[in-house]
Protein backbone atom coordinates (compact mmCIF):
# COMPACT_ATOMS: atom_id res chain seq x y z
CA GLN A 1 115.08 80.48 82.06
CA GLN A 2 115.96 81.76 85.52
CA GLN A 3 113.23 83.13 87.78
CA PRO A 4 114.00 86.52 89.34
CA SER A 5 114.80 86.28 93.03
CA ILE A 6 112.76 87.98 95.69
CA HIS A 7 115.63 90.36 96.35
CA SER A 8 116.08 91.25 92.70
CA CYS A 9 115.83 94.97 91.99
CA ALA A 10 114.77 94.59 88.37
CA THR A 11 112.38 97.51 88.72
CA ASN A 12 112.26 100.42 91.12
CA GLU A 13 108.49 100.24 91.37
CA TRP A 14 106.77 98.90 94.43
CA ASP A 15 103.20 98.68 95.48
CA VAL A 16 102.53 101.32 98.15
CA HIS A 17 99.09 99.89 98.90
CA ARG A 18 100.58 96.44 99.50
CA ALA A 19 103.30 97.89 101.73
CA ARG A 20 100.70 99.77 103.76
CA ARG A 21 98.59 96.60 104.19
CA GLN A 22 101.63 94.61 105.28
CA LEU A 23 102.73 97.25 107.78
CA ARG A 24 99.21 97.44 109.22
CA ARG A 25 99.10 93.67 109.52
CA ALA A 26 102.60 93.56 111.07
CA SER A 27 101.72 96.22 113.62
CA ASP A 28 98.54 94.41 114.59
CA GLU A 29 100.21 91.00 114.80
CA CYS A 30 103.08 92.35 116.88
CA ARG A 31 100.64 94.07 119.24
CA ARG A 32 98.66 90.85 119.68
CA ARG A 33 101.85 88.94 120.51
CA GLY A 34 102.96 91.53 123.03
CA LEU A 35 105.80 92.88 120.87
CA LYS A 36 105.10 96.48 121.71
CA LEU A 37 108.25 98.08 120.32
CA ALA A 38 107.96 96.15 117.07
CA SER A 39 104.32 97.21 116.79
CA ARG A 40 105.30 100.85 117.27
CA TRP A 41 108.09 100.52 114.71
CA ALA A 42 105.71 99.12 112.08
CA SER A 43 103.11 101.81 112.74
CA GLU A 44 105.78 104.53 112.62
CA GLN A 45 106.91 103.23 109.25
CA LEU A 46 103.29 103.29 108.12
CA MET A 47 102.93 106.90 109.25
CA GLY A 48 106.12 107.78 107.40
CA LEU A 49 104.88 106.50 104.06
CA ALA A 50 103.53 109.12 101.74
CA ALA A 51 99.78 109.23 101.34
CA PRO A 52 98.73 106.44 99.00
CA PRO A 53 98.34 107.54 95.39
CA SER A 54 94.87 107.38 93.94
CA ARG A 55 93.98 104.12 92.28
CA SER A 56 94.48 103.95 88.54
CA THR A 57 91.40 103.88 86.37
CA GLY A 58 92.38 100.41 85.19
CA SER A 59 91.59 98.75 88.51
CA SER A 60 88.26 97.06 88.78
CA ALA A 61 85.42 98.26 90.96
CA VAL A 62 85.40 94.88 92.75
CA GLU A 63 89.04 95.35 93.82
CA GLU A 64 88.30 98.85 95.10
CA ASP A 65 85.23 97.60 97.02
CA GLN A 66 87.32 94.86 98.66
CA LEU A 67 90.04 97.34 99.58
CA SER A 68 87.62 99.86 101.00
CA GLU A 69 85.82 97.17 103.05
CA GLU A 70 89.15 95.96 104.43
CA GLU A 71 90.29 99.47 105.27
CA ASN A 72 86.95 100.45 106.85
CA CYS A 73 87.11 97.49 109.26
CA GLN A 74 90.61 98.42 110.43
CA PRO A 75 91.66 101.35 112.57
CA ASN A 76 93.16 104.09 110.47
CA ASP A 77 96.91 104.61 110.45
CA VAL A 78 96.85 107.36 113.06
CA GLU A 79 94.72 105.29 115.43
CA LEU A 80 97.04 102.31 114.96
CA TYR A 81 100.07 104.46 115.76
CA ALA A 82 98.37 105.98 118.80
CA LEU A 83 97.38 102.51 120.02
CA SER A 84 100.97 101.32 119.78
CA LEU A 85 102.11 104.38 121.78
CA PHE A 86 99.38 103.77 124.36
CA ASP A 87 100.48 100.13 124.75
CA LEU A 88 103.99 101.38 125.57
CA GLY A 89 102.66 103.77 128.20
CA GLU A 90 103.39 106.86 126.12
CA TYR A 91 100.02 108.35 126.93
CA SER A 92 100.81 111.99 126.24
CA ARG A 93 102.31 111.16 122.84
CA ALA A 94 99.27 109.04 121.98
CA ALA A 95 96.96 111.89 122.99
CA HIS A 96 99.00 114.36 120.94
CA VAL A 97 98.90 112.12 117.86
CA LEU A 98 95.14 111.72 118.15
CA SER A 99 94.47 115.40 118.85
CA SER A 100 96.71 116.45 115.94
CA SER A 101 94.88 114.19 113.55
CA SER A 102 91.43 115.20 114.75
CA SER A 103 92.21 118.89 114.48
CA THR A 104 92.89 118.49 110.76
CA ALA A 105 89.82 116.36 110.09
CA PRO A 106 87.22 118.08 107.89
CA ASN A 107 84.35 117.47 110.32
CA ASN A 108 86.24 118.97 113.22
CA GLN A 109 87.18 122.04 111.20
CA ASN A 110 83.52 122.65 110.50
CA SER A 111 82.55 122.23 114.14
CA ALA A 112 85.37 124.55 115.25
CA ALA A 113 84.18 127.18 112.77
CA GLU A 114 80.62 126.80 114.07
CA GLU A 115 81.81 127.25 117.68
CA THR A 116 83.74 130.37 116.71
CA ASN A 117 80.67 131.81 114.95
CA ALA A 118 78.43 130.96 117.89
CA SER A 119 80.72 132.65 120.41
CA ALA A 120 81.03 135.84 118.30
């Protein structure tokens, strides 16, 4: 019996969560080694991936706890992308990426609404 090769396309399914973890790790490793363009490329690919689908109900609570702990210790995808831009000296792009992401955050929407109400 022949084992399927790594490059075999037997199924069209792939693990988005695994791809996101690998891209995060690649971006971080490249940044640590001084490979700034490679770090930006990996973080851009990460930003381009669709939002991860919700976990299936079949996954265990232990797996989800491990994933959430790992993700909470790491910078989020936007911060990772902004950091890679900052390392390349693209300060205005990094600022734009961070300000765009913070303007859509739920907490900032609430504070903006409060400021609008207070000024009225």
